[in-house]
Protein backbone atom coordinates (compact mmCIF):
# COMPACT_ATOMS: atom_id res chain seq x y z
CA MET A 1 240.58 -34.21 226.89
CA ASN A 2 237.10 -34.48 228.35
CA SER A 3 236.00 -31.09 229.49
CA SER A 4 234.62 -32.46 232.76
CA THR A 5 238.15 -33.43 233.90
CA ALA A 6 240.06 -30.60 232.59
CA THR A 7 241.81 -27.89 234.79
CA PRO A 8 239.66 -24.63 234.27
CA PHE A 9 241.26 -22.00 232.19
CA THR A 10 242.42 -19.06 234.37
CA PRO A 11 244.32 -16.16 232.89
CA ARG A 12 247.77 -15.94 234.62
CA HIS A 13 247.99 -12.23 234.22
CA PRO A 14 244.57 -10.93 233.87
CA LYS A 15 243.98 -7.06 233.34
CA PRO A 16 241.88 -5.31 235.91
CA GLU A 17 238.21 -6.25 235.53
CA PRO A 18 235.49 -3.50 234.84
CA ALA A 19 233.97 -2.43 238.30
CA ASN A 20 230.51 -3.00 237.15
CA PRO A 21 229.73 -6.47 235.55
CA ASN A 22 226.86 -4.84 233.60
CA SER A 23 228.73 -1.94 232.19
CA ALA A 24 230.03 -1.84 228.51
CA ARG A 25 232.66 -4.56 227.77
CA LEU A 26 233.09 -4.68 224.02
CA LEU A 27 232.55 -1.01 223.82
CA ALA A 28 234.30 0.12 227.06
CA GLY A 29 237.27 1.83 225.10
CA TRP A 30 234.78 3.53 222.85
CA GLN A 31 232.81 4.87 225.76
CA ALA A 32 235.92 5.99 227.76
CA THR A 33 237.57 7.82 224.71
CA GLY A 34 234.92 8.50 222.22
CA ARG A 35 237.37 7.30 219.42
CA ALA A 36 238.39 4.16 217.64
CA ALA A 37 241.05 2.18 219.31
CA THR A 38 244.60 1.90 217.82
CA LEU A 39 246.64 -1.05 218.44
CA THR A 40 248.55 1.04 221.13
CA ASP A 41 245.27 1.95 222.72
CA HIS A 42 244.16 -1.72 222.75
CA LEU A 43 247.20 -3.12 224.25
CA ARG A 44 247.39 -0.49 226.89
CA HIS A 45 243.93 -1.46 227.78
CA TYR A 46 243.86 -5.05 227.56
CA GLY A 47 247.61 -6.22 227.33
CA GLN A 48 248.80 -8.87 224.81
CA PRO A 49 246.49 -11.59 223.78
CA PRO A 50 247.20 -14.50 226.10
CA VAL A 51 248.17 -16.91 223.37
CA ASP A 52 250.77 -18.70 225.36
CA GLU A 53 248.18 -19.68 227.95
CA VAL A 54 246.11 -21.29 225.25
CA LEU A 55 249.13 -23.32 223.94
CA ASP A 56 249.45 -25.65 226.78
CA GLY A 57 250.00 -28.93 224.96
CA ARG A 58 246.59 -30.54 225.46
CA THR A 59 244.67 -32.08 222.74
CA VAL A 60 241.75 -29.73 223.16
CA PRO A 61 243.13 -26.31 224.86
CA PRO A 62 241.57 -25.00 228.08
CA LEU A 63 240.29 -22.17 226.32
CA VAL A 64 237.54 -24.22 224.92
CA ASP A 65 236.60 -25.37 228.25
CA ALA A 66 236.43 -21.79 229.32
CA VAL A 67 234.12 -20.73 226.36
CA GLU A 68 231.85 -23.81 227.03
CA ALA A 69 231.74 -22.79 230.78
CA ALA A 70 230.96 -19.31 230.04
CA GLY A 71 228.08 -20.19 227.94
CA LEU A 72 228.91 -17.89 225.02
CA THR A 73 226.66 -18.34 222.08
CA GLY A 74 227.00 -16.96 218.46
CA ARG A 75 226.04 -13.33 218.17
CA GLY A 76 225.42 -13.51 214.49
CA GLY A 77 221.94 -14.63 214.70
CA ALA A 78 221.54 -18.41 215.24
CA GLY A 79 222.74 -18.27 218.79
CA PHE A 80 224.72 -21.72 218.41
CA PRO A 81 227.07 -22.61 221.32
CA THR A 82 230.54 -21.21 220.61
CA GLY A 83 232.36 -23.78 222.49
CA THR A 84 230.69 -26.65 220.74
CA LYS A 85 232.05 -25.19 217.45
CA LEU A 86 235.33 -24.75 218.90
CA ARG A 87 235.54 -28.10 220.23
CA ALA A 88 234.36 -29.92 216.87
CA VAL A 89 237.00 -28.22 214.96
CA ALA A 90 239.84 -28.70 217.57
CA GLU A 91 239.38 -32.45 217.73
CA ARG A 92 239.53 -32.79 213.93
CA ARG A 93 242.73 -34.02 212.39
CA GLY A 94 244.67 -31.78 210.13
CA ARG A 95 245.62 -28.15 210.26
CA ALA A 96 242.37 -25.81 210.57
CA VAL A 97 241.26 -22.61 209.33
CA VAL A 98 239.39 -19.78 210.98
CA VAL A 99 236.79 -17.45 209.17
CA VAL A 100 235.53 -14.22 210.80
CA ASN A 101 232.05 -13.52 209.39
CA ALA A 102 231.90 -9.65 209.41
CA MET A 103 229.57 -9.71 206.48
CA GLU A 104 226.49 -8.39 208.47
CA SER A 105 224.00 -8.66 205.51
CA GLU A 106 221.29 -7.94 207.69
CA PRO A 107 220.02 -4.45 206.36
CA ALA A 108 218.78 -3.32 209.78
CA SER A 109 222.01 -4.38 211.59
CA ARG A 110 224.91 -2.01 212.39
CA LYS A 111 226.63 -3.65 215.17
CA ASP A 112 229.47 -5.57 213.52
CA GLN A 113 230.44 -2.57 211.44
CA PHE A 114 230.52 -0.33 214.59
CA LEU A 115 232.60 -2.84 216.54
CA LEU A 116 234.97 -3.38 213.88
CA THR A 117 235.32 0.39 213.44
CA VAL A 118 235.88 1.12 217.14
CA ALA A 119 237.60 -1.93 218.53
CA PRO A 120 238.98 -4.08 215.60
CA HIS A 121 241.76 -5.51 217.64
CA LEU A 122 239.43 -7.00 219.95
CA VAL A 123 237.75 -9.02 217.15
CA LEU A 124 241.21 -9.79 215.68
CA ASP A 125 242.43 -11.10 219.18
CA GLY A 126 239.58 -13.33 219.33
CA ALA A 127 240.12 -14.77 215.84
CA VAL A 128 243.97 -15.38 216.58
CA LEU A 129 242.94 -16.97 220.05
CA ALA A 130 240.37 -19.22 218.32
CA ALA A 131 242.89 -20.13 215.70
CA THR A 132 245.37 -21.19 218.44
CA ALA A 133 242.85 -23.12 220.10
CA VAL A 134 241.72 -25.14 217.19
CA GLY A 135 245.08 -25.45 215.62
CA ALA A 136 244.87 -22.98 212.69
CA ASP A 137 247.35 -21.21 210.84
CA THR A 138 245.33 -18.85 208.74
CA VAL A 139 242.57 -16.36 209.53
CA HIS A 140 240.21 -15.20 206.78
CA VAL A 141 238.20 -12.06 207.69
CA CYS A 142 235.23 -11.53 205.29
CA LEU A 143 233.63 -8.27 204.66
CA PRO A 144 231.00 -7.09 202.08
CA ARG A 145 232.45 -5.43 198.86
CA THR A 146 230.32 -2.43 199.19
CA ARG A 147 232.04 -1.22 202.41
CA THR A 148 235.13 0.26 201.28
CA THR A 149 235.80 2.48 204.35
CA GLN A 150 235.48 -0.45 206.62
CA TYR A 151 237.89 -2.45 204.56
CA ARG A 152 240.36 0.26 204.52
CA GLN A 153 240.09 0.68 208.21
CA LEU A 154 240.58 -3.20 208.64
CA ALA A 155 243.55 -3.15 206.40
CA GLU A 156 245.07 -0.51 208.57
CA ALA A 157 244.48 -2.53 211.70
CA LEU A 158 245.96 -5.57 210.26
CA GLU A 159 249.08 -3.62 209.06
CA GLU A 160 249.47 -2.25 212.69
CA ARG A 161 249.57 -6.02 213.87
CA ARG A 162 252.01 -7.16 211.11
CA HIS A 163 254.34 -4.11 211.92
CA THR A 164 254.56 -5.28 215.50
CA ARG A 165 254.72 -8.90 214.74
CA LEU A 166 252.08 -9.49 217.23
CA ASP A 167 250.40 -12.71 215.57
CA ARG A 168 251.65 -16.38 214.96
CA VAL A 169 249.02 -16.90 212.48
CA ARG A 170 248.34 -15.43 208.93
CA LEU A 171 245.52 -12.88 208.82
CA LEU A 172 243.95 -12.13 205.42
CA ALA A 173 241.07 -9.71 204.67
CA HIS A 174 238.60 -10.40 201.72
CA THR A 175 235.73 -8.48 200.20
CA LEU A 176 232.66 -10.58 199.02
CA PRO A 177 229.51 -9.82 197.06
CA HIS A 178 227.12 -8.15 199.23
CA ALA A 179 223.94 -10.33 199.13
CA TYR A 180 221.66 -11.25 201.96
CA ALA A 181 222.57 -15.00 201.64
CA SER A 182 226.21 -14.34 201.21
CA SER A 183 226.58 -13.99 205.01
CA GLU A 184 225.72 -17.64 205.57
CA SER A 185 228.65 -19.49 206.85
CA THR A 186 228.78 -22.04 204.08
CA SER A 187 228.56 -19.03 201.50
CA LEU A 188 231.81 -17.68 202.96
CA VAL A 189 233.42 -21.09 202.72
CA ARG A 190 232.44 -21.75 199.25
CA TRP A 191 233.57 -18.22 198.05
CA LEU A 192 236.92 -18.76 199.76
CA ASN A 193 237.14 -22.07 197.52
CA GLY A 194 236.79 -20.12 194.45
CA GLY A 195 233.03 -20.49 194.00
CA PRO A 196 229.91 -18.22 194.29
CA ALA A 197 229.02 -16.71 197.80
CA ARG A 198 225.94 -18.91 197.87
CA PRO A 199 224.97 -21.30 200.61
CA GLN A 200 226.44 -24.75 199.94
CA GLY A 201 223.84 -26.89 201.94
CA SER A 202 224.24 -29.06 205.00
CA ARG A 203 227.00 -31.43 203.94
CA PRO A 204 229.73 -31.60 204.30
CA ARG A 205 229.91 -29.62 207.44
CA THR A 206 232.54 -26.87 207.65
CA ASP A 207 234.18 -28.27 210.77
CA GLU A 208 234.72 -31.44 208.62
CA ARG A 209 235.75 -29.99 205.39
CA GLY A 210 235.79 -26.36 204.72
CA VAL A 211 238.25 -23.88 203.13
CA GLY A 212 240.68 -26.03 201.16
CA LYS A 213 239.04 -29.17 202.48
CA ARG A 214 240.35 -28.44 206.01
CA PRO A 215 238.51 -28.28 209.22
CA THR A 216 237.04 -24.77 209.34
CA LEU A 217 235.71 -22.56 212.11
CA VAL A 218 233.43 -19.81 211.20
CA HIS A 219 232.52 -17.31 213.65
CA ASN A 220 230.58 -13.96 213.72
CA ALA A 221 232.83 -10.81 214.47
CA GLU A 222 231.08 -9.97 217.88
CA THR A 223 231.28 -13.62 219.03
CA LEU A 224 235.13 -13.54 218.61
CA ALA A 225 235.26 -10.33 220.52
CA HIS A 226 233.51 -11.93 223.42
CA LEU A 227 235.94 -14.91 223.14
CA ALA A 228 238.95 -12.39 223.50
CA LEU A 229 237.59 -11.19 226.73
CA ILE A 230 236.78 -14.71 228.02
CA ALA A 231 240.40 -15.51 227.35
CA ARG A 232 241.54 -12.56 229.51
CA TYR A 233 238.88 -12.44 232.38
CA GLY A 234 237.57 -16.01 232.43
CA SER A 235 234.21 -17.70 232.36
CA ASP A 236 232.98 -16.58 235.72
CA TRP A 237 233.64 -12.99 234.99
CA PHE A 238 231.67 -13.34 231.53
CA ARG A 239 228.70 -14.76 233.47
CA ARG A 240 228.33 -11.83 235.82
CA ALA A 241 226.27 -10.18 233.13
CA GLY A 242 223.05 -11.34 231.60
CA THR A 243 221.00 -14.32 233.10
CA ARG A 244 221.90 -17.83 234.17
CA GLU A 245 220.59 -19.48 231.04
CA GLU A 246 221.96 -16.75 228.61
CA PRO A 247 224.94 -15.04 230.07
CA GLY A 248 227.09 -12.28 228.87
CA THR A 249 226.27 -9.01 226.94
CA MET A 250 225.29 -8.41 223.39
CA LEU A 251 225.39 -5.64 221.06
CA ALA A 252 221.93 -4.33 219.71
CA THR A 253 221.13 -2.14 216.75
CA VAL A 254 218.00 -0.07 217.47
CA SER A 255 216.31 1.84 214.66
CA SER A 256 213.02 4.05 214.85
CA ALA A 257 211.50 5.88 211.93
CA GLY A 258 213.51 8.98 210.79
CA ALA A 259 216.43 8.50 213.25
CA VAL A 260 219.88 7.20 212.75
CA PRO A 261 220.34 3.62 213.88
CA ALA A 262 221.96 3.32 217.29
CA VAL A 263 224.38 0.48 218.64
CA VAL A 264 224.15 -0.30 222.32
CA GLU A 265 225.63 -2.96 224.57
CA ILE A 266 223.33 -4.61 226.85
CA PRO A 267 223.12 -7.57 229.15
CA LEU A 268 221.17 -10.38 227.84
CA GLY A 269 217.72 -10.35 229.29
CA THR A 270 217.30 -6.66 229.28
CA PRO A 271 213.83 -5.61 228.68
CA ILE A 272 213.09 -4.34 225.06
CA SER A 273 211.62 -1.13 226.43
CA THR A 274 215.16 -0.46 228.22
CA VAL A 275 217.03 -0.99 225.19
CA LEU A 276 214.91 1.37 223.25
CA ASP A 277 215.19 4.05 226.19
CA LEU A 278 219.32 3.39 225.98
CA ALA A 279 219.14 4.18 222.04
CA GLY A 280 217.14 7.22 222.51
CA GLY A 281 213.60 5.97 222.62
CA ALA A 282 210.93 5.74 219.81
CA THR A 283 210.63 9.09 218.02
CA GLU A 284 206.70 8.50 217.68
CA SER A 285 203.99 6.57 219.31
CA MET A 286 204.83 2.90 218.55
CA GLN A 287 202.44 0.14 217.32
CA ALA A 288 204.99 -2.69 216.99
CA VAL A 289 208.75 -3.54 217.27
CA LEU A 290 210.51 -5.65 214.77
CA VAL A 291 212.91 -8.13 216.76
CA GLY A 292 215.60 -9.71 214.90
CA GLY A 293 215.67 -7.80 211.80
CA PHE A 294 214.27 -8.77 208.32
CA ALA A 295 214.46 -12.49 209.25
CA GLY A 296 212.71 -11.75 212.59
CA SER A 297 209.37 -11.29 214.21
CA TRP A 298 207.06 -8.40 214.57
CA LEU A 299 205.76 -8.08 218.17
CA PRO A 300 202.84 -5.69 219.03
CA ALA A 301 203.82 -2.70 221.47
CA GLU A 302 202.03 -4.69 224.47
CA HIS A 303 205.26 -6.85 224.38
CA ILE A 304 207.54 -4.13 224.90
CA HIS A 305 208.67 -4.94 228.29
CA THR A 306 209.54 -8.59 227.27
CA PRO A 307 213.32 -9.49 227.98
CA LEU A 308 215.72 -9.57 225.04
CA ASN A 309 216.72 -13.28 225.25
CA ARG A 310 215.87 -16.46 223.56
CA ARG A 311 214.01 -17.99 226.67
CA SER A 312 211.71 -14.99 227.00
CA LEU A 313 210.99 -14.54 223.32
CA ALA A 314 210.29 -17.98 222.39
CA PRO A 315 206.70 -18.21 223.71
CA LEU A 316 206.13 -15.20 221.35
CA GLY A 317 207.65 -16.94 218.32
CA ALA A 318 210.65 -14.72 218.17
CA THR A 319 214.49 -14.51 218.96
CA PRO A 320 216.92 -11.99 219.37
CA GLY A 321 218.57 -12.78 216.01
CA ALA A 322 221.35 -10.53 215.51
CA GLY A 323 220.31 -8.11 218.00
CA VAL A 324 218.05 -5.87 215.72
CA LEU A 325 215.13 -3.86 217.04
CA VAL A 326 213.25 -1.57 214.76
CA THR A 327 210.21 0.26 216.03
CA LEU A 328 207.13 0.96 213.76
CA PRO A 329 205.06 3.97 214.37
CA ARG A 330 201.39 4.06 214.38
CA SER A 331 201.44 6.43 211.44
CA ALA A 332 202.88 3.43 209.31
CA CYS A 333 201.46 0.36 207.73
CA GLY A 334 203.02 -2.79 208.87
CA LEU A 335 201.85 -4.71 205.97
CA SER A 336 203.24 -2.43 203.48
CA GLU A 337 206.73 -2.32 205.37
CA THR A 338 206.65 -5.95 205.52
CA ALA A 339 205.75 -6.59 201.72
CA ARG A 340 208.78 -4.44 201.02
CA MET A 341 211.14 -6.43 203.18
CA LEU A 342 209.81 -9.69 201.76
CA SER A 343 210.37 -8.56 198.21
CA TYR A 344 213.81 -7.59 199.01
CA LEU A 345 214.52 -11.15 200.69
CA ALA A 346 212.87 -12.71 197.57
CA ALA A 347 215.36 -10.79 195.22
CA HIS A 348 218.36 -11.76 197.47
CA GLY A 349 217.74 -15.41 197.72
CA ALA A 350 220.27 -17.85 196.34
CA HIS A 351 217.46 -19.46 194.13
CA GLN A 352 219.13 -22.75 194.41
CA CYS A 353 216.25 -24.71 195.90
CA GLY A 354 212.45 -24.92 195.42
CA PRO A 355 211.53 -22.92 198.46
CA CYS A 356 213.81 -19.98 197.73
CA HIS A 357 213.24 -19.80 193.94
CA PHE A 358 209.37 -20.43 193.91
CA GLY A 359 208.04 -20.33 197.36
CA LEU A 360 209.53 -17.23 198.72
CA THR A 361 208.86 -15.29 195.56
CA ALA A 362 205.22 -16.37 195.59
CA VAL A 363 204.73 -15.40 199.43
CA ALA A 364 206.37 -11.85 198.49
CA GLU A 365 203.89 -11.50 195.74
CA ASP A 366 201.01 -12.37 197.84
CA PHE A 367 202.04 -9.98 200.43
CA ALA A 368 202.30 -7.23 197.88
CA THR A 369 198.73 -7.98 196.98
CA LEU A 370 197.57 -7.90 200.60
CA ALA A 371 199.42 -4.59 201.15
CA CYS A 372 197.97 -3.02 198.18
CA GLY A 373 194.37 -4.11 199.31
CA ARG A 374 193.44 -5.79 196.05
CA PRO A 375 190.16 -7.97 196.41
CA ASP A 376 191.13 -11.68 196.55
CA ARG A 377 189.09 -14.03 198.79
CA ASP A 378 191.59 -16.87 198.30
CA LEU A 379 194.66 -14.65 199.27
CA LEU A 380 194.85 -15.25 202.99
CA PRO A 381 194.33 -19.15 203.14
CA ARG A 382 196.72 -19.22 200.12
CA LEU A 383 199.33 -16.97 201.83
CA HIS A 384 199.16 -19.04 205.14
CA ARG A 385 199.53 -22.44 203.04
CA ARG A 386 202.61 -21.11 201.24
CA ILE A 387 204.16 -19.70 204.40
CA GLY A 388 203.83 -23.14 206.06
CA LEU A 389 205.70 -24.62 203.19
CA LEU A 390 208.87 -22.63 203.52
CA PRO A 391 210.45 -23.49 206.86
CA ASP A 392 212.98 -26.45 207.01
CA ARG A 393 213.01 -27.27 203.33
CA GLY A 394 215.61 -24.93 201.81
CA ALA A 395 219.34 -25.51 201.35
CA CYS A 396 219.87 -22.84 203.96
CA ARG A 397 217.67 -20.89 206.43
CA HIS A 398 216.89 -17.99 204.30
CA PRO A 399 213.41 -19.03 203.51
CA ASP A 400 212.81 -20.04 207.13
CA GLY A 401 213.41 -16.25 208.31
CA ALA A 402 211.24 -14.77 205.41
CA ALA A 403 208.34 -17.21 206.62
CA ARG A 404 208.85 -16.09 210.19
CA LEU A 405 208.66 -12.37 209.17
CA ALA A 406 205.57 -12.95 207.21
CA ALA A 407 203.65 -15.03 209.57
CA SER A 408 204.44 -12.62 212.42
CA ALA A 409 203.13 -9.71 210.35
CA LEU A 410 199.94 -11.48 209.74
CA HIS A 411 199.46 -12.00 213.53
CA ALA A 412 200.72 -8.60 214.78
CA PHE A 413 198.85 -6.60 212.24
CA ALA A 414 195.65 -8.89 212.22
CA ASP A 415 193.30 -5.94 212.28
CA ASP A 416 194.97 -4.40 209.41
CA VAL A 417 194.68 -7.70 207.32
CA HIS A 418 191.13 -7.84 207.55
CA ARG A 419 190.64 -4.28 207.00
CA HIS A 420 192.89 -4.53 203.67
CA LEU A 421 190.93 -7.45 202.45
CA ALA A 422 187.49 -6.01 203.11
CA HIS A 423 187.80 -2.33 202.36
CA GLY A 424 191.32 -2.01 200.41
CA ALA A 425 194.45 -0.49 201.57
CA CYS A 426 194.50 1.74 204.58
CA PRO A 427 195.57 5.42 204.25
CA ALA A 428 198.95 4.65 205.99
CA ALA A 429 199.70 2.31 203.07
CA HIS A 430 199.86 5.39 200.68
CA ARG A 431 202.17 7.18 202.81
CA PRO A 432 206.04 7.33 202.11
CA PRO A 433 207.89 4.25 203.75
CA ARG A 434 209.09 4.63 207.28
CA ILE A 435 211.69 1.70 207.36
CA PRO A 436 214.71 1.77 205.02
CA VAL A 437 214.74 -1.28 202.72
CA PRO A 438 217.36 -1.81 199.98
CA PRO A 439 215.96 -2.02 196.45
CA ALA A 440 214.55 -5.49 195.66
CA THR A 441 216.94 -6.04 192.81
CA PRO A 442 219.09 -9.23 192.60
CA PRO A 443 222.90 -9.12 193.44
CA GLU A 444 225.03 -8.40 190.21
CA THR A 445 227.37 -11.14 191.03
CA TRP A 446 227.83 -13.90 193.60
CA ARG A 447 231.55 -14.15 192.76
């Protein structure tokens, strides 16, 4: 049924709405109690997931219309419209499959881990409701193999739901190899089909032929938690936070040198400076902030009041990504920190295509040379040329993110670039690193 003629989805028995639309939504239970929600806590607060209201006999259930009207976009980094993905799978023939992407391979992000710890049933409700809307009978929840505590907590939540016979679909938990590129949606599908957790490429699309050659919906964990709230409160409620163009709230992970990362929930469009303050503020005088994580962009401190949404960040060449903010103190060398990130990204590429296998490795090596301040008059033009060759050429977007990070560093730390090339590495380059970066070693296995 065409969404323009469909009756709007309105929950028949909505739970009381939060008094302040800009208050915590996903983290409301955590902020009220300070502890992880059991299934009993979850049902007391939200009630049963409104599955029967989704099953109304339409070709495309009204929940799809509601998600489209809400303007929910993916919170995993790409920001693709959630309703569009739902509709694409719902309109396919055959029994579908839903995959929950909780891999969160971005090293600077903690928001999905935190959400699944404190509100696992909100994520699982969203997965079950999405499965109902697209006609799926199975939900696969994908976690990284290294997070054993998180897997145990998820297994306990799934057992709670099985014990009460809450769900009409099958929910299965899986642990996958923890590599940066293994969180890409086609990597999950490929692994669930028995292959390596490497990106598959653009064809066939997962909504056409994914897990078991069935139409497959892949959504980030936070995205599904928002969907669960839209199913309960409706699209108008969802739009009361955020901006008109980018409604709702988002989870952000904020890191500053020497401090434990903090996860905060904010309306989209909140100034970066306000987000940093909510997370405790920068621990030292700041020279730049990394927006979007290791595949994101460096912004000089002068842009600290920019709203955290796509529309405001686009003129600066940045996006919110998965909601990561990392502050860099003036006592650190931005070129050295970026070189370490690029080395990690190069090591964690799938190495299935030229831009990843050759181009990203070459960019990482050039950047390491720049960070060390080794004299090479051809280095900067060569680096610019190589960075320009990475985007839109790979089997996935991994090289694109690395190119964005490298290009933004050359711009944000332009004075340091010329100083390193003319006079050698700055004193800060010889100090201990300030941003945690995993070892630049390839994954032991992709399977």
